[in-house]
């Protein structure tokens, strides 16, 4: 009987630990990931007012708007072949 109680306690501890890790991911990490994905998608389809290219070929565009016309701020394109519509 002691062994069964010990195994049940370890099962409860394991389930609580997994739930805590899942809650931490969902509440702390997932919003950042989702925001990053949204920003990347919006910048890929952005219409921007002014863009500059630095010596490394990175293009930074300001006053960008997404396809809905909402202001998304600044977008950075790592590849100079990817360009926002000016």
Protein backbone atom coordinates (compact mmCIF):
# COMPACT_ATOMS: atom_id res chain seq x y z
CA UNK A 1 0.00 0.00 0.00
CA UNK A 2 2.89 2.37 0.74
CA UNK A 3 4.30 1.81 -2.74
CA UNK A 4 0.96 2.63 -4.37
CA UNK A 5 0.67 5.83 -2.35
CA UNK A 6 4.23 6.82 -3.29
CA UNK A 7 3.58 6.22 -6.97
CA UNK A 8 0.35 8.22 -6.81
CA UNK A 9 2.19 11.12 -5.14
CA UNK A 10 4.88 11.09 -7.85
CA UNK A 11 2.18 11.02 -10.54
CA UNK A 12 0.48 14.05 -8.99
CA UNK A 13 3.82 15.88 -8.71
CA UNK A 14 4.59 15.09 -12.37
CA UNK A 15 1.18 16.25 -13.59
CA UNK A 16 1.43 19.49 -11.59
CA UNK A 17 4.96 20.13 -12.91
CA UNK A 18 3.86 19.57 -16.52
CA UNK A 19 0.87 21.87 -15.99
CA UNK A 20 3.14 24.57 -14.53
CA UNK A 21 5.52 24.40 -17.50
CA UNK A 22 2.59 24.49 -19.91
CA UNK A 23 1.05 27.50 -18.16
CA UNK A 24 4.39 29.34 -18.17
CA UNK A 25 4.79 28.70 -21.91
CA UNK A 26 1.23 29.76 -22.68
CA UNK A 27 1.30 32.91 -20.54
CA UNK A 28 4.91 34.11 -20.89
CA UNK A 29 6.45 32.74 -24.08
CA UNK A 30 3.60 32.21 -26.55
CA UNK A 31 2.50 35.90 -26.70
CA UNK A 32 6.02 36.90 -27.78
CA UNK A 33 6.15 34.19 -30.44
CA UNK A 34 2.70 35.13 -31.74
CA UNK A 35 3.63 38.83 -31.84
CA UNK A 36 6.81 38.06 -33.77
CA UNK A 37 4.93 35.95 -36.32
CA UNK A 38 2.31 38.66 -36.78
CA UNK A 39 4.97 41.37 -37.22
CA UNK A 40 6.87 39.27 -39.79
CA UNK A 41 3.70 38.59 -41.75
CA UNK A 42 2.65 42.24 -41.67
CA UNK A 43 6.11 43.42 -42.77
CA UNK A 44 6.21 40.92 -45.64
CA UNK A 45 3.06 42.54 -47.06
CA UNK A 46 3.69 46.11 -45.91
CA UNK A 47 3.30 49.32 -47.81
CA UNK A 48 5.85 51.83 -46.50
CA UNK A 49 6.41 55.56 -46.98
CA UNK A 50 10.21 55.75 -46.79
CA UNK A 51 12.96 53.14 -46.93
CA UNK A 52 16.74 53.25 -46.52
CA UNK A 53 19.40 50.62 -47.24
CA UNK A 54 22.57 50.35 -45.16
CA UNK A 55 26.01 49.14 -46.34
CA UNK A 56 25.22 45.54 -45.37
CA UNK A 57 22.16 45.50 -47.63
CA UNK A 58 19.60 45.60 -44.81
CA UNK A 59 16.62 47.68 -45.77
CA UNK A 60 14.72 49.58 -43.08
CA UNK A 61 11.33 51.02 -43.94
CA UNK A 62 9.43 53.55 -41.84
CA UNK A 63 5.77 54.51 -41.61
CA UNK A 64 4.62 51.06 -42.74
CA UNK A 65 1.00 49.97 -43.00
CA UNK A 66 -0.37 46.44 -43.24
CA UNK A 67 -2.91 45.28 -45.82
CA UNK A 68 -5.76 46.55 -43.62
CA UNK A 69 -4.22 50.04 -43.54
CA UNK A 70 -3.23 49.79 -39.86
CA UNK A 71 0.06 51.42 -38.85
CA UNK A 72 2.71 48.79 -37.98
CA UNK A 73 5.67 51.14 -37.56
CA UNK A 74 9.11 50.12 -38.84
CA UNK A 75 9.99 47.00 -40.83
CA UNK A 76 13.48 45.61 -41.39
CA UNK A 77 14.23 43.42 -44.41
CA UNK A 78 17.40 41.30 -44.16
CA UNK A 79 17.61 40.62 -47.88
CA UNK A 80 17.81 43.61 -50.17
CA UNK A 81 15.78 41.68 -52.79
CA UNK A 82 12.80 41.69 -50.42
CA UNK A 83 11.37 45.15 -50.66
CA UNK A 84 8.29 46.84 -49.37
CA UNK A 85 6.26 48.77 -51.86
CA UNK A 86 7.31 52.40 -51.71
